[in-house]
N, C-alpha and C. Protein backbone atom coordinates (compact mmCIF):
# COMPACT_ATOMS: atom_id res chain seq x y z
N MET A 1 0.85 -1.20 0.00
CA MET A 1 0.00 0.00 0.00
C MET A 1 0.88 1.25 0.00
N ARG A 2 0.54 2.21 -0.85
CA ARG A 2 1.19 3.53 -0.83
C ARG A 2 0.18 4.56 -0.33
N PHE A 3 0.72 5.62 0.27
CA PHE A 3 -0.16 6.63 0.84
C PHE A 3 0.43 8.01 0.57
N SER A 4 -0.42 8.95 0.21
CA SER A 4 0.00 10.32 -0.05
C SER A 4 0.53 10.96 1.23
N ILE A 5 1.69 11.62 1.15
CA ILE A 5 2.26 12.31 2.30
C ILE A 5 1.33 13.43 2.75
N GLU A 6 0.77 14.16 1.80
CA GLU A 6 -0.14 15.26 2.12
C GLU A 6 -1.38 14.74 2.85
N ASP A 7 -1.95 13.64 2.36
CA ASP A 7 -3.13 13.07 3.02
C ASP A 7 -2.79 12.54 4.40
N ALA A 8 -1.61 11.96 4.55
CA ALA A 8 -1.19 11.46 5.86
C ALA A 8 -1.09 12.60 6.86
N ALA A 9 -0.56 13.74 6.44
CA ALA A 9 -0.45 14.89 7.33
C ALA A 9 -1.84 15.41 7.73
N LYS A 10 -2.76 15.42 6.78
CA LYS A 10 -4.12 15.86 7.08
C LYS A 10 -4.79 14.93 8.10
N LEU A 11 -4.60 13.63 7.93
CA LEU A 11 -5.18 12.67 8.87
C LEU A 11 -4.54 12.80 10.25
N ALA A 12 -3.22 12.99 10.29
CA ALA A 12 -2.54 13.14 11.57
C ALA A 12 -3.06 14.37 12.32
N GLU A 13 -3.30 15.45 11.61
CA GLU A 13 -3.86 16.65 12.25
C GLU A 13 -5.28 16.40 12.74
N ALA A 14 -6.10 15.72 11.92
CA ALA A 14 -7.49 15.45 12.28
C ALA A 14 -7.62 14.39 13.36
N SER A 15 -6.55 13.63 13.62
CA SER A 15 -6.64 12.50 14.55
C SER A 15 -6.95 12.94 15.98
N TYR A 16 -6.71 14.20 16.30
CA TYR A 16 -6.99 14.70 17.66
C TYR A 16 -8.46 14.97 17.87
N ASP A 17 -9.22 14.98 16.80
CA ASP A 17 -10.69 15.08 16.87
C ASP A 17 -11.22 14.16 15.78
N SER A 18 -11.31 12.86 16.10
CA SER A 18 -11.59 11.85 15.07
C SER A 18 -12.93 12.07 14.39
N GLY A 19 -13.83 12.86 15.00
CA GLY A 19 -15.10 13.18 14.36
C GLY A 19 -14.93 13.97 13.08
N ARG A 20 -13.75 14.59 12.91
CA ARG A 20 -13.47 15.37 11.70
C ARG A 20 -13.10 14.48 10.53
N ILE A 21 -12.79 13.21 10.78
CA ILE A 21 -12.33 12.31 9.73
C ILE A 21 -13.53 11.69 9.02
N THR A 22 -13.68 11.99 7.77
CA THR A 22 -14.82 11.45 7.00
C THR A 22 -14.39 10.39 5.99
N SER A 23 -13.14 10.47 5.53
CA SER A 23 -12.65 9.50 4.55
C SER A 23 -11.13 9.41 4.68
N PRO A 24 -10.62 8.18 4.88
CA PRO A 24 -11.34 6.93 5.14
C PRO A 24 -11.99 6.95 6.53
N ARG A 25 -13.12 6.27 6.67
CA ARG A 25 -13.90 6.32 7.90
C ARG A 25 -13.17 5.65 9.06
N VAL A 26 -13.44 6.16 10.27
CA VAL A 26 -12.92 5.54 11.49
C VAL A 26 -13.80 4.33 11.81
N LEU A 27 -13.19 3.16 11.92
CA LEU A 27 -13.93 1.93 12.22
C LEU A 27 -13.86 1.57 13.70
N HIS A 28 -12.69 1.81 14.34
CA HIS A 28 -12.51 1.46 15.75
C HIS A 28 -11.64 2.53 16.40
N SER A 29 -11.90 2.81 17.68
CA SER A 29 -11.05 3.69 18.47
C SER A 29 -10.72 3.00 19.78
N CYS A 30 -9.47 3.09 20.19
CA CYS A 30 -9.02 2.40 21.39
C CYS A 30 -9.68 3.01 22.64
N PRO A 31 -10.27 2.18 23.52
CA PRO A 31 -10.97 2.69 24.69
C PRO A 31 -10.06 2.98 25.89
N HIS A 32 -8.78 2.62 25.81
CA HIS A 32 -7.86 2.83 26.92
C HIS A 32 -7.74 4.32 27.22
N LYS A 33 -7.85 4.70 28.49
CA LYS A 33 -7.92 6.13 28.82
C LYS A 33 -6.61 6.88 28.54
N ASP A 34 -5.48 6.17 28.52
CA ASP A 34 -4.20 6.83 28.28
C ASP A 34 -3.59 6.52 26.92
N VAL A 35 -4.31 5.80 26.07
CA VAL A 35 -3.78 5.39 24.77
C VAL A 35 -4.73 5.83 23.67
N GLN A 36 -4.21 6.58 22.71
CA GLN A 36 -5.04 7.05 21.60
C GLN A 36 -4.66 6.30 20.33
N ALA A 37 -5.65 5.67 19.71
CA ALA A 37 -5.41 4.93 18.47
C ALA A 37 -6.72 4.74 17.74
N HIS A 38 -6.68 4.84 16.42
CA HIS A 38 -7.87 4.64 15.58
C HIS A 38 -7.51 3.72 14.42
N VAL A 39 -8.44 2.85 14.07
CA VAL A 39 -8.32 2.04 12.86
C VAL A 39 -9.28 2.61 11.83
N LEU A 40 -8.75 2.95 10.66
CA LEU A 40 -9.56 3.50 9.58
C LEU A 40 -9.82 2.43 8.52
N GLU A 41 -10.76 2.72 7.65
CA GLU A 41 -11.00 1.83 6.51
C GLU A 41 -9.69 1.54 5.78
N GLY A 42 -9.58 0.31 5.30
CA GLY A 42 -8.35 -0.08 4.64
C GLY A 42 -7.29 -0.55 5.62
N ASP A 43 -7.69 -0.74 6.89
CA ASP A 43 -6.77 -1.18 7.95
C ASP A 43 -5.59 -0.21 8.10
N ILE A 44 -5.91 1.08 8.09
CA ILE A 44 -4.92 2.12 8.36
C ILE A 44 -4.95 2.42 9.86
N LEU A 45 -3.82 2.33 10.51
CA LEU A 45 -3.72 2.62 11.94
C LEU A 45 -3.25 4.07 12.10
N LEU A 46 -4.05 4.87 12.80
CA LEU A 46 -3.80 6.30 12.99
C LEU A 46 -3.55 6.56 14.47
N LEU A 47 -2.38 7.13 14.79
CA LEU A 47 -1.96 7.27 16.18
C LEU A 47 -1.66 8.72 16.54
N PRO A 48 -2.61 9.43 17.12
CA PRO A 48 -2.30 10.75 17.65
C PRO A 48 -1.44 10.61 18.89
N GLY A 49 -0.85 11.69 19.32
CA GLY A 49 -0.02 11.65 20.52
C GLY A 49 -0.16 12.92 21.32
N SER A 50 0.89 13.71 21.33
CA SER A 50 0.91 14.98 22.04
C SER A 50 1.05 16.08 21.01
N ASN A 51 0.16 17.06 21.01
CA ASN A 51 0.12 18.03 19.93
C ASN A 51 0.97 19.26 20.19
N SER A 52 1.64 19.31 21.35
CA SER A 52 2.52 20.42 21.65
C SER A 52 3.65 19.94 22.55
N VAL A 53 4.70 20.72 22.64
CA VAL A 53 5.79 20.36 23.55
C VAL A 53 5.29 20.29 24.98
N ASP A 54 4.40 21.22 25.34
CA ASP A 54 3.84 21.23 26.70
C ASP A 54 3.09 19.93 26.98
N ASP A 55 2.26 19.50 26.04
CA ASP A 55 1.54 18.23 26.20
C ASP A 55 2.51 17.07 26.29
N TYR A 56 3.55 17.11 25.44
CA TYR A 56 4.54 16.03 25.45
C TYR A 56 5.19 15.91 26.83
N LEU A 57 5.58 17.03 27.39
CA LEU A 57 6.24 17.00 28.70
C LEU A 57 5.28 16.53 29.79
N LYS A 58 4.04 16.95 29.72
CA LYS A 58 3.06 16.56 30.74
C LYS A 58 2.77 15.07 30.67
N PHE A 59 2.63 14.54 29.45
CA PHE A 59 2.25 13.13 29.32
C PHE A 59 3.47 12.21 29.28
N ASN A 60 4.41 12.52 28.41
CA ASN A 60 5.48 11.57 28.15
C ASN A 60 6.54 11.54 29.24
N LEU A 61 6.62 12.59 30.06
CA LEU A 61 7.63 12.61 31.11
C LEU A 61 7.04 12.31 32.48
N ARG A 62 5.81 11.88 32.54
CA ARG A 62 5.23 11.50 33.82
C ARG A 62 5.27 9.99 33.96
N PRO A 63 5.21 9.48 35.20
CA PRO A 63 5.18 8.02 35.36
C PRO A 63 3.89 7.43 34.80
N LEU A 64 4.02 6.28 34.15
CA LEU A 64 2.87 5.54 33.64
C LEU A 64 2.81 4.19 34.34
N ARG A 65 1.61 3.70 34.58
CA ARG A 65 1.46 2.35 35.13
C ARG A 65 0.76 1.50 34.07
N ILE A 66 1.55 0.77 33.30
CA ILE A 66 1.04 -0.11 32.27
C ILE A 66 1.53 -1.52 32.58
N GLY A 67 0.59 -2.46 32.64
CA GLY A 67 0.97 -3.83 32.97
C GLY A 67 1.49 -3.96 34.38
N HIS A 68 0.91 -3.16 35.30
CA HIS A 68 1.26 -3.21 36.72
C HIS A 68 2.71 -2.82 36.98
N LYS A 69 3.30 -2.09 36.05
CA LYS A 69 4.69 -1.67 36.21
C LYS A 69 4.78 -0.16 36.03
N LYS A 70 5.50 0.49 36.92
CA LYS A 70 5.67 1.93 36.83
C LYS A 70 6.76 2.25 35.82
N LEU A 71 6.46 3.09 34.85
CA LEU A 71 7.40 3.45 33.80
C LEU A 71 7.55 4.96 33.76
N ILE A 72 8.74 5.43 33.50
CA ILE A 72 8.97 6.86 33.32
C ILE A 72 9.48 7.05 31.90
N MET A 73 8.74 7.84 31.11
CA MET A 73 9.00 7.91 29.68
C MET A 73 10.34 8.55 29.35
N ASN A 74 10.90 9.38 30.24
CA ASN A 74 12.13 10.07 29.88
C ASN A 74 13.38 9.42 30.48
N ASP A 75 13.24 8.23 31.10
CA ASP A 75 14.43 7.60 31.65
C ASP A 75 15.19 6.86 30.56
N ASN A 76 16.30 6.26 30.92
CA ASN A 76 17.14 5.59 29.93
C ASN A 76 16.95 4.09 29.91
N LYS A 77 15.86 3.60 30.51
CA LYS A 77 15.64 2.15 30.56
C LYS A 77 15.14 1.65 29.22
N ALA A 78 15.62 0.47 28.84
CA ALA A 78 15.24 -0.12 27.56
C ALA A 78 14.83 -1.57 27.79
N SER A 79 13.95 -2.07 26.92
CA SER A 79 13.47 -3.45 27.01
C SER A 79 13.39 -4.03 25.62
N LYS A 80 13.58 -5.35 25.53
CA LYS A 80 13.49 -6.03 24.24
C LYS A 80 12.03 -6.29 23.91
N GLY A 81 11.61 -5.89 22.71
CA GLY A 81 10.25 -6.14 22.27
C GLY A 81 10.10 -7.50 21.63
N ALA A 82 8.87 -7.83 21.23
CA ALA A 82 8.61 -9.11 20.59
C ALA A 82 9.40 -9.25 19.29
N SER A 83 9.74 -8.12 18.67
CA SER A 83 10.51 -8.13 17.42
C SER A 83 11.98 -8.47 17.65
N GLY A 84 12.41 -8.46 18.92
CA GLY A 84 13.81 -8.70 19.23
C GLY A 84 14.63 -7.44 19.32
N THR A 85 14.10 -6.32 18.84
CA THR A 85 14.79 -5.04 18.91
C THR A 85 14.64 -4.45 20.32
N VAL A 86 15.65 -3.76 20.77
CA VAL A 86 15.61 -3.13 22.10
C VAL A 86 15.07 -1.71 21.95
N TRP A 87 14.01 -1.41 22.71
CA TRP A 87 13.28 -0.15 22.60
C TRP A 87 13.29 0.60 23.93
N HIS A 88 12.98 1.87 23.86
CA HIS A 88 12.72 2.65 25.06
C HIS A 88 11.55 2.02 25.80
N GLN A 89 11.71 1.78 27.09
CA GLN A 89 10.75 1.00 27.87
C GLN A 89 9.35 1.62 27.86
N GLY A 90 9.27 2.92 28.03
CA GLY A 90 7.96 3.57 28.08
C GLY A 90 7.24 3.52 26.74
N PHE A 91 7.96 3.83 25.65
CA PHE A 91 7.36 3.78 24.32
C PHE A 91 6.94 2.35 23.96
N LEU A 92 7.75 1.38 24.38
CA LEU A 92 7.41 -0.02 24.10
C LEU A 92 6.13 -0.43 24.81
N ALA A 93 5.98 -0.05 26.08
CA ALA A 93 4.77 -0.39 26.83
C ALA A 93 3.54 0.25 26.21
N TYR A 94 3.68 1.50 25.76
CA TYR A 94 2.57 2.19 25.10
C TYR A 94 2.18 1.46 23.81
N SER A 95 3.19 1.07 23.04
CA SER A 95 2.94 0.35 21.78
C SER A 95 2.29 -1.00 22.04
N ALA A 96 2.70 -1.67 23.12
CA ALA A 96 2.15 -2.98 23.44
C ALA A 96 0.65 -2.89 23.73
N GLU A 97 0.22 -1.80 24.36
CA GLU A 97 -1.22 -1.62 24.60
C GLU A 97 -1.98 -1.56 23.27
N ILE A 98 -1.42 -0.84 22.31
CA ILE A 98 -2.06 -0.75 20.99
C ILE A 98 -2.04 -2.10 20.30
N PHE A 99 -0.91 -2.80 20.38
CA PHE A 99 -0.76 -4.12 19.75
C PHE A 99 -1.82 -5.09 20.27
N HIS A 100 -2.00 -5.14 21.59
CA HIS A 100 -2.97 -6.08 22.17
C HIS A 100 -4.41 -5.66 21.86
N TRP A 101 -4.66 -4.36 21.77
CA TRP A 101 -5.99 -3.88 21.36
C TRP A 101 -6.28 -4.30 19.92
N LEU A 102 -5.29 -4.21 19.04
CA LEU A 102 -5.49 -4.61 17.65
C LEU A 102 -5.79 -6.11 17.54
N ILE A 103 -5.16 -6.92 18.39
CA ILE A 103 -5.45 -8.35 18.39
C ILE A 103 -6.92 -8.58 18.73
N LYS A 104 -7.42 -7.85 19.73
CA LYS A 104 -8.83 -7.99 20.11
C LYS A 104 -9.77 -7.56 19.00
N GLN A 105 -9.33 -6.58 18.20
CA GLN A 105 -10.15 -6.12 17.08
C GLN A 105 -9.97 -6.99 15.83
N ASN A 106 -9.06 -7.96 15.91
CA ASN A 106 -8.73 -8.82 14.76
C ASN A 106 -8.28 -7.99 13.57
N VAL A 107 -7.41 -7.02 13.85
CA VAL A 107 -6.89 -6.11 12.82
C VAL A 107 -5.37 -6.22 12.77
N ALA A 108 -4.85 -6.40 11.57
CA ALA A 108 -3.41 -6.28 11.32
C ALA A 108 -3.24 -5.10 10.37
N PRO A 109 -2.69 -3.99 10.85
CA PRO A 109 -2.64 -2.79 10.01
C PRO A 109 -1.81 -2.99 8.74
N LYS A 110 -2.27 -2.31 7.68
CA LYS A 110 -1.54 -2.34 6.41
C LYS A 110 -0.72 -1.07 6.22
N PHE A 111 -1.02 -0.04 7.02
CA PHE A 111 -0.29 1.22 6.95
C PHE A 111 -0.46 1.91 8.30
N ILE A 112 0.58 2.62 8.76
CA ILE A 112 0.53 3.28 10.06
C ILE A 112 0.93 4.75 9.89
N ILE A 113 0.16 5.63 10.53
CA ILE A 113 0.44 7.07 10.53
C ILE A 113 0.43 7.53 11.98
N GLY A 114 1.46 8.27 12.41
CA GLY A 114 1.50 8.71 13.79
C GLY A 114 2.13 10.08 13.95
N HIS A 115 1.76 10.75 15.03
CA HIS A 115 2.34 12.05 15.38
C HIS A 115 2.80 12.02 16.82
N SER A 116 4.01 12.52 17.08
CA SER A 116 4.54 12.68 18.43
C SER A 116 4.65 11.33 19.14
N LEU A 117 4.00 11.17 20.29
CA LEU A 117 4.01 9.87 20.97
C LEU A 117 3.48 8.79 20.02
N GLY A 118 2.49 9.15 19.19
CA GLY A 118 1.98 8.21 18.19
C GLY A 118 3.03 7.84 17.17
N ALA A 119 3.95 8.77 16.86
CA ALA A 119 5.04 8.47 15.91
C ALA A 119 6.09 7.58 16.55
N ALA A 120 6.28 7.69 17.88
CA ALA A 120 7.18 6.77 18.57
C ALA A 120 6.61 5.35 18.50
N ALA A 121 5.31 5.22 18.82
CA ALA A 121 4.67 3.91 18.74
C ALA A 121 4.62 3.39 17.31
N ALA A 122 4.42 4.29 16.35
CA ALA A 122 4.35 3.88 14.94
C ALA A 122 5.65 3.22 14.50
N GLN A 123 6.79 3.74 14.96
CA GLN A 123 8.08 3.14 14.59
C GLN A 123 8.18 1.71 15.11
N ILE A 124 7.77 1.50 16.35
CA ILE A 124 7.85 0.17 16.95
C ILE A 124 6.89 -0.79 16.26
N LEU A 125 5.66 -0.33 16.00
CA LEU A 125 4.66 -1.19 15.39
C LEU A 125 4.98 -1.46 13.91
N SER A 126 5.65 -0.53 13.27
CA SER A 126 6.10 -0.75 11.89
C SER A 126 7.03 -1.96 11.83
N LYS A 127 7.90 -2.08 12.82
CA LYS A 127 8.82 -3.21 12.91
C LYS A 127 8.06 -4.50 13.19
N SER A 128 7.04 -4.43 14.06
CA SER A 128 6.28 -5.63 14.43
C SER A 128 5.48 -6.17 13.26
N TYR A 129 4.86 -5.27 12.48
CA TYR A 129 3.96 -5.70 11.41
C TYR A 129 4.62 -5.69 10.03
N ASN A 130 5.82 -5.10 9.92
CA ASN A 130 6.50 -4.98 8.62
C ASN A 130 5.59 -4.30 7.60
N VAL A 131 5.09 -3.12 7.97
CA VAL A 131 4.22 -2.35 7.08
C VAL A 131 4.76 -0.92 6.97
N PRO A 132 4.47 -0.24 5.85
CA PRO A 132 4.93 1.13 5.69
C PRO A 132 4.30 2.07 6.71
N THR A 133 5.09 3.04 7.12
CA THR A 133 4.70 3.94 8.21
C THR A 133 5.19 5.35 7.92
N ILE A 134 4.35 6.34 8.27
CA ILE A 134 4.76 7.74 8.22
C ILE A 134 4.61 8.32 9.62
N GLY A 135 5.69 8.89 10.15
CA GLY A 135 5.64 9.51 11.46
C GLY A 135 6.02 10.98 11.38
N PHE A 136 5.25 11.83 12.07
CA PHE A 136 5.52 13.26 12.12
C PHE A 136 5.94 13.62 13.55
N ALA A 137 6.96 14.50 13.67
CA ALA A 137 7.41 14.97 14.99
C ALA A 137 7.80 13.79 15.87
N ALA A 138 8.62 12.91 15.34
CA ALA A 138 8.89 11.62 15.97
C ALA A 138 9.98 11.71 17.03
N PRO A 139 9.68 11.25 18.25
CA PRO A 139 10.74 11.03 19.24
C PRO A 139 11.58 9.82 18.84
N ARG A 140 12.58 9.50 19.66
CA ARG A 140 13.52 8.42 19.37
C ARG A 140 13.21 7.20 20.25
N PRO A 141 12.72 6.09 19.69
CA PRO A 141 12.38 4.94 20.53
C PRO A 141 13.41 3.80 20.54
N LYS A 142 14.36 3.79 19.59
CA LYS A 142 15.22 2.61 19.38
C LYS A 142 16.53 2.78 20.14
N TYR A 143 16.91 1.75 20.90
CA TYR A 143 18.12 1.85 21.71
C TYR A 143 19.38 1.63 20.88
N SER A 144 19.32 0.70 19.95
CA SER A 144 20.50 0.41 19.13
C SER A 144 20.70 1.50 18.09
N ARG A 145 21.97 1.78 17.77
CA ARG A 145 22.27 2.86 16.83
C ARG A 145 22.11 2.42 15.38
N GLY A 146 22.44 1.17 15.07
CA GLY A 146 22.47 0.72 13.68
C GLY A 146 21.11 0.35 13.12
N ARG A 147 21.11 -0.04 11.86
CA ARG A 147 19.89 -0.46 11.18
C ARG A 147 19.39 -1.79 11.74
N VAL A 148 18.06 -1.98 11.68
CA VAL A 148 17.45 -3.25 12.07
C VAL A 148 16.54 -3.70 10.93
N LYS A 149 16.13 -4.97 10.97
CA LYS A 149 15.27 -5.52 9.94
C LYS A 149 13.98 -4.72 9.83
N TYR A 150 13.53 -4.48 8.62
CA TYR A 150 12.31 -3.72 8.28
C TYR A 150 12.45 -2.23 8.60
N ASP A 151 13.65 -1.80 8.93
CA ASP A 151 13.88 -0.41 9.32
C ASP A 151 13.35 0.57 8.27
N ARG A 152 13.62 0.29 7.02
CA ARG A 152 13.34 1.28 5.97
C ARG A 152 11.88 1.31 5.52
N GLN A 153 11.01 0.58 6.21
CA GLN A 153 9.57 0.73 5.98
C GLN A 153 9.07 2.06 6.52
N CYS A 154 9.86 2.68 7.38
CA CYS A 154 9.41 3.82 8.17
C CYS A 154 9.97 5.14 7.61
N LEU A 155 9.09 6.10 7.34
CA LEU A 155 9.49 7.45 6.95
C LEU A 155 9.13 8.41 8.08
N LEU A 156 10.11 9.15 8.56
CA LEU A 156 9.89 10.13 9.62
C LEU A 156 10.12 11.53 9.07
N ILE A 157 9.16 12.40 9.30
CA ILE A 157 9.25 13.79 8.86
C ILE A 157 9.35 14.66 10.11
N ASN A 158 10.51 15.28 10.30
CA ASN A 158 10.77 16.07 11.50
C ASN A 158 11.16 17.49 11.14
N ARG A 159 10.68 18.44 11.91
CA ARG A 159 11.12 19.83 11.78
C ARG A 159 12.48 19.99 12.47
N GLY A 160 13.32 20.81 11.86
CA GLY A 160 14.63 21.06 12.45
C GLY A 160 14.57 21.84 13.75
N ASP A 161 13.46 22.54 14.00
CA ASP A 161 13.34 23.35 15.22
C ASP A 161 12.47 22.69 16.29
N ASP A 162 12.11 21.42 16.11
CA ASP A 162 11.24 20.73 17.06
C ASP A 162 12.10 19.98 18.08
N PRO A 163 12.13 20.40 19.34
CA PRO A 163 13.00 19.75 20.33
C PRO A 163 12.61 18.32 20.66
N VAL A 164 11.35 17.94 20.46
CA VAL A 164 10.89 16.59 20.80
C VAL A 164 11.59 15.55 19.94
N THR A 165 11.95 15.90 18.71
CA THR A 165 12.58 14.93 17.80
C THR A 165 13.99 14.56 18.26
N ARG A 166 14.51 15.28 19.25
CA ARG A 166 15.85 14.97 19.78
C ARG A 166 15.77 14.20 21.10
N LEU A 167 14.57 13.77 21.47
CA LEU A 167 14.35 13.06 22.73
C LEU A 167 13.88 11.63 22.47
N PRO A 168 14.10 10.72 23.43
CA PRO A 168 15.00 10.83 24.58
C PRO A 168 16.46 10.75 24.13
N HIS A 169 17.34 11.36 24.88
CA HIS A 169 18.76 11.28 24.59
C HIS A 169 19.23 9.82 24.71
N ARG A 170 20.25 9.46 23.98
CA ARG A 170 20.84 8.12 23.95
C ARG A 170 20.02 7.13 23.12
N PHE A 171 18.87 7.55 22.60
CA PHE A 171 18.06 6.67 21.76
C PHE A 171 18.11 7.16 20.31
N HIS A 172 17.52 6.38 19.40
CA HIS A 172 17.67 6.65 17.97
C HIS A 172 16.35 6.43 17.24
N HIS A 173 16.26 7.02 16.05
CA HIS A 173 15.08 6.87 15.20
C HIS A 173 15.16 5.59 14.37
N MET A 174 14.00 5.15 13.90
CA MET A 174 13.89 4.10 12.90
C MET A 174 13.87 4.73 11.51
N GLY A 175 14.33 3.99 10.51
CA GLY A 175 13.99 4.25 9.13
C GLY A 175 14.62 5.46 8.48
N VAL A 176 13.88 6.01 7.50
CA VAL A 176 14.31 7.13 6.67
C VAL A 176 13.85 8.42 7.34
N ILE A 177 14.77 9.31 7.62
CA ILE A 177 14.44 10.55 8.34
C ILE A 177 14.59 11.72 7.40
N LYS A 178 13.52 12.50 7.25
CA LYS A 178 13.55 13.73 6.47
C LYS A 178 13.42 14.89 7.47
N LYS A 179 14.53 15.56 7.69
CA LYS A 179 14.56 16.70 8.61
C LYS A 179 14.53 17.98 7.80
N ILE A 180 13.49 18.76 7.99
CA ILE A 180 13.28 19.95 7.17
C ILE A 180 13.37 21.18 8.06
N SER A 181 14.23 22.12 7.68
CA SER A 181 14.36 23.37 8.43
C SER A 181 13.38 24.39 7.88
N PRO A 182 12.51 24.93 8.74
CA PRO A 182 11.50 25.88 8.27
C PRO A 182 12.12 27.24 7.96
N ALA A 183 11.41 28.02 7.18
CA ALA A 183 11.88 29.37 6.86
C ALA A 183 11.94 30.22 8.12
N LYS A 184 11.01 29.98 9.05
CA LYS A 184 10.98 30.72 10.31
C LYS A 184 10.83 29.74 11.45
N ARG A 185 11.76 29.78 12.41
CA ARG A 185 11.75 28.85 13.54
C ARG A 185 10.55 29.10 14.46
N LYS A 186 10.01 28.00 15.00
CA LYS A 186 8.90 28.08 15.95
C LYS A 186 9.31 27.57 17.34
N ASP A 187 10.36 26.76 17.38
CA ASP A 187 10.89 26.20 18.63
C ASP A 187 9.81 25.53 19.46
N LEU A 188 9.42 26.07 20.63
CA LEU A 188 8.46 25.40 21.50
C LEU A 188 7.10 25.23 20.86
N PHE A 189 6.82 25.99 19.81
CA PHE A 189 5.53 25.88 19.12
C PHE A 189 5.62 25.02 17.86
N ALA A 190 6.80 24.43 17.63
CA ALA A 190 7.04 23.71 16.38
C ALA A 190 6.42 22.33 16.35
N HIS A 191 6.00 21.80 17.49
CA HIS A 191 5.67 20.38 17.60
C HIS A 191 4.26 20.03 17.11
N SER A 192 3.37 20.98 17.04
CA SER A 192 1.97 20.66 16.70
C SER A 192 1.83 20.28 15.23
N MET A 193 0.78 19.52 14.93
CA MET A 193 0.54 19.12 13.54
C MET A 193 0.19 20.30 12.65
N VAL A 194 -0.30 21.38 13.22
CA VAL A 194 -0.53 22.59 12.42
C VAL A 194 0.79 23.05 11.80
N GLN A 195 1.84 23.08 12.63
CA GLN A 195 3.15 23.49 12.13
C GLN A 195 3.74 22.44 11.19
N TYR A 196 3.43 21.18 11.41
CA TYR A 196 3.93 20.13 10.53
C TYR A 196 3.23 20.15 9.17
N ARG A 197 1.99 20.56 9.13
CA ARG A 197 1.32 20.72 7.82
C ARG A 197 2.10 21.73 6.98
N GLU A 198 2.57 22.78 7.63
CA GLU A 198 3.35 23.82 6.94
C GLU A 198 4.65 23.24 6.36
N ILE A 199 5.34 22.42 7.17
CA ILE A 199 6.62 21.88 6.73
C ILE A 199 6.42 20.82 5.64
N VAL A 200 5.31 20.10 5.68
CA VAL A 200 5.01 19.13 4.63
C VAL A 200 4.77 19.86 3.31
N ASP A 201 3.99 20.93 3.35
CA ASP A 201 3.76 21.72 2.13
C ASP A 201 5.07 22.23 1.56
N GLN A 202 5.95 22.72 2.44
CA GLN A 202 7.26 23.24 2.01
C GLN A 202 8.10 22.11 1.41
N GLY A 203 8.11 20.95 2.07
CA GLY A 203 8.90 19.83 1.59
C GLY A 203 8.45 19.31 0.25
N LEU A 204 7.13 19.25 0.05
CA LEU A 204 6.59 18.78 -1.22
C LEU A 204 6.86 19.79 -2.34
N GLN A 205 6.72 21.06 -2.02
CA GLN A 205 6.92 22.10 -3.01
C GLN A 205 8.35 22.14 -3.52
N HIS A 206 9.31 21.89 -2.64
CA HIS A 206 10.72 22.00 -3.01
C HIS A 206 11.37 20.65 -3.29
N GLY A 207 10.56 19.60 -3.38
CA GLY A 207 11.11 18.30 -3.71
C GLY A 207 11.92 17.65 -2.61
N LEU A 208 11.70 18.06 -1.37
CA LEU A 208 12.43 17.51 -0.25
C LEU A 208 11.76 16.25 0.30
N LEU A 209 10.51 16.03 -0.09
CA LEU A 209 9.74 14.86 0.33
C LEU A 209 9.19 14.15 -0.90
N PRO A 210 9.05 12.82 -0.83
CA PRO A 210 8.34 12.12 -1.91
C PRO A 210 6.84 12.45 -1.81
N SER A 211 6.12 12.31 -2.90
CA SER A 211 4.69 12.62 -2.88
C SER A 211 3.91 11.55 -2.14
N SER A 212 4.46 10.32 -2.07
CA SER A 212 3.77 9.23 -1.37
C SER A 212 4.81 8.31 -0.76
N TRP A 213 4.33 7.38 0.06
CA TRP A 213 5.23 6.46 0.76
C TRP A 213 4.58 5.08 0.83
N GLY A 214 5.39 4.04 0.70
CA GLY A 214 4.88 2.68 0.84
C GLY A 214 5.45 1.77 -0.22
N GLY A 215 5.09 0.50 -0.07
CA GLY A 215 5.49 -0.50 -1.05
C GLY A 215 6.97 -0.77 -1.10
N MET A 216 7.63 -0.67 0.10
CA MET A 216 9.08 -0.91 0.15
C MET A 216 9.37 -2.40 0.00
């Protein structure tokens, strides 16, 4: 499956209010109070996260209790996932909640789109399902520095002025990374999907991004 980069950005922005999504339709939404995930027609997995640096700090840097274990998203602890790759412990636990929810829905995604915390989970789930993925404003979930199997299924679009894309320290991104420097820096305001829509338009206009992604 291939997917338009422009359409992916529009869906990622709309994912924070899923009622705005009319096509492809939302079929399922995760009921977990701390996990946001939607399955769209065509088995597209859409993962919103934190829409601002402030939200990211409030959610991603607080302790989480998933699976009866206390996790801190900004620590340096890592755990091996089902894929065998070593991931940031907090991002892995978040992704596992989505993975187990998808099993209950009898859904295996064919494409994944994520923003922020959703882009961290999208990288991990891309490895688990071996499906093409687009992540916006992606944090770093992978502990190992080198390439891993299915790595290049993942396209990450990051703003050069977004501090979240440099977190957590000591961790690394998956896949193909397109880092685009905006004409005007936004810094603490750079993380929202509104600002990423701007950088996607700039990247497409100047040939810095492919028009679509998938089918690797």
